[in-house]
């Protein structure tokens, strides 16, 4: 590697490091020192989110088990005609499908 390449790499690294420091300082000034995101803070937020998902999953499992244990069923509903079942409503039915 030529000496000019080494100089270019060193200058590039210095510019990137200075830009990173500037961005970090701007973030501290804008959001405040206590609100700056850190790796530790990100990890704790991920742990809390995992715990919340696990709790929601456990709650749902308990609710399903309780419903299955009681054997309750929904009352039968009268048969209703589906929306968009006539031949003329194909366009409106296609519009409904395409918006989902």
Protein backbone atom coordinates (compact mmCIF):
# COMPACT_ATOMS: atom_id res chain seq x y z
CA UNK A 1 0.00 0.00 0.00
CA UNK A 2 1.40 3.40 -0.92
CA UNK A 3 1.92 6.12 1.67
CA UNK A 4 -0.74 8.27 0.02
CA UNK A 5 -3.28 5.45 0.56
CA UNK A 6 -2.38 5.24 4.26
CA UNK A 7 -2.76 9.00 4.61
CA UNK A 8 -6.15 8.91 2.90
CA UNK A 9 -7.36 6.10 5.18
CA UNK A 10 -6.18 7.95 8.29
CA UNK A 11 -7.91 11.14 7.20
CA UNK A 12 -11.10 9.25 6.35
CA UNK A 13 -11.14 7.60 9.78
CA UNK A 14 -10.54 10.93 11.46
CA UNK A 15 -13.45 12.52 9.55
CA UNK A 16 -15.80 9.65 10.42
CA UNK A 17 -14.79 9.77 14.09
CA UNK A 18 -15.31 13.53 14.23
CA UNK A 19 -18.72 13.19 12.57
CA UNK A 20 -19.75 10.47 15.06
CA UNK A 21 -18.69 12.67 17.98
CA UNK A 22 -20.63 15.60 16.54
CA UNK A 23 -23.78 13.50 16.11
CA UNK A 24 -23.49 12.16 19.66
CA UNK A 25 -23.08 15.67 21.06
CA UNK A 26 -26.07 16.97 19.09
CA UNK A 27 -28.18 14.08 20.38
CA UNK A 28 -27.18 14.86 23.97
CA UNK A 29 -28.09 18.51 23.51
CA UNK A 30 -31.42 17.81 21.80
CA UNK A 31 -32.85 14.96 23.90
CA UNK A 32 -30.96 15.56 27.14
CA UNK A 33 -28.24 13.54 28.83
CA UNK A 34 -30.68 11.20 30.61
CA UNK A 35 -32.55 10.32 27.38
CA UNK A 36 -29.55 9.35 25.23
CA UNK A 37 -29.91 5.79 23.93
CA UNK A 38 -27.19 3.39 24.99
CA UNK A 39 -26.48 -0.26 24.30
CA UNK A 40 -27.43 -1.07 27.89
CA UNK A 41 -30.69 0.85 27.56
CA UNK A 42 -31.49 -0.88 24.27
CA UNK A 43 -30.82 -4.29 25.84
CA UNK A 44 -33.07 -3.51 28.81
CA UNK A 45 -35.87 -2.34 26.48
CA UNK A 46 -35.56 -5.60 24.52
CA UNK A 47 -35.73 -7.64 27.74
CA UNK A 48 -38.84 -5.75 28.86
CA UNK A 49 -40.49 -6.25 25.46
CA UNK A 50 -39.71 -10.00 25.57
CA UNK A 51 -41.21 -10.24 29.06
CA UNK A 52 -44.33 -8.38 27.97
CA UNK A 53 -44.79 -10.70 24.96
CA UNK A 54 -44.30 -13.77 27.16
CA UNK A 55 -46.87 -12.47 29.65
CA UNK A 56 -49.37 -11.73 26.89
CA UNK A 57 -48.82 -15.22 25.46
CA UNK A 58 -49.32 -16.79 28.92
CA UNK A 59 -52.50 -14.76 29.46
CA UNK A 60 -53.87 -15.89 26.10
CA UNK A 61 -52.99 -19.53 26.81
CA UNK A 62 -54.76 -19.32 30.19
CA UNK A 63 -57.85 -17.75 28.59
CA UNK A 64 -57.99 -20.41 25.86
CA UNK A 65 -57.55 -23.18 28.45
CA UNK A 66 -60.36 -21.70 30.58
CA UNK A 67 -62.68 -21.50 27.58
CA UNK A 68 -61.84 -25.03 26.54
CA UNK A 69 -62.44 -26.31 30.09
CA UNK A 70 -65.91 -24.77 30.33
CA UNK A 71 -66.89 -26.08 26.90
CA UNK A 72 -68.92 -22.98 26.09
CA UNK A 73 -69.91 -22.44 22.51
CA UNK A 74 -71.18 -19.41 20.74
CA UNK A 75 -74.87 -19.35 20.01
CA UNK A 76 -75.72 -20.29 16.43
CA UNK A 77 -76.21 -17.32 14.15
CA UNK A 78 -78.77 -17.09 11.44
CA UNK A 79 -77.35 -17.52 7.97
CA UNK A 80 -76.67 -14.14 6.40
CA UNK A 81 -76.09 -13.33 2.80
CA UNK A 82 -72.49 -12.34 2.14
CA UNK A 83 -71.77 -8.79 1.10
CA UNK A 84 -70.94 -8.58 -2.58
CA UNK A 85 -72.46 -11.91 -3.50
CA UNK A 86 -74.46 -10.66 -6.47
CA UNK A 87 -72.89 -10.73 -9.96
CA UNK A 88 -73.14 -6.95 -10.25
CA UNK A 89 -71.02 -6.34 -7.19
CA UNK A 90 -67.84 -8.00 -8.47
CA UNK A 91 -66.20 -4.62 -8.94
CA UNK A 92 -66.95 -3.55 -5.38
CA UNK A 93 -65.80 -6.92 -4.08
CA UNK A 94 -62.53 -6.61 -6.00
CA UNK A 95 -62.09 -3.12 -4.56
CA UNK A 96 -62.52 -4.47 -1.03
CA UNK A 97 -59.96 -7.20 -1.61
CA UNK A 98 -57.39 -4.85 -3.09
CA UNK A 99 -57.44 -2.45 -0.12
CA UNK A 100 -56.36 -5.06 2.43
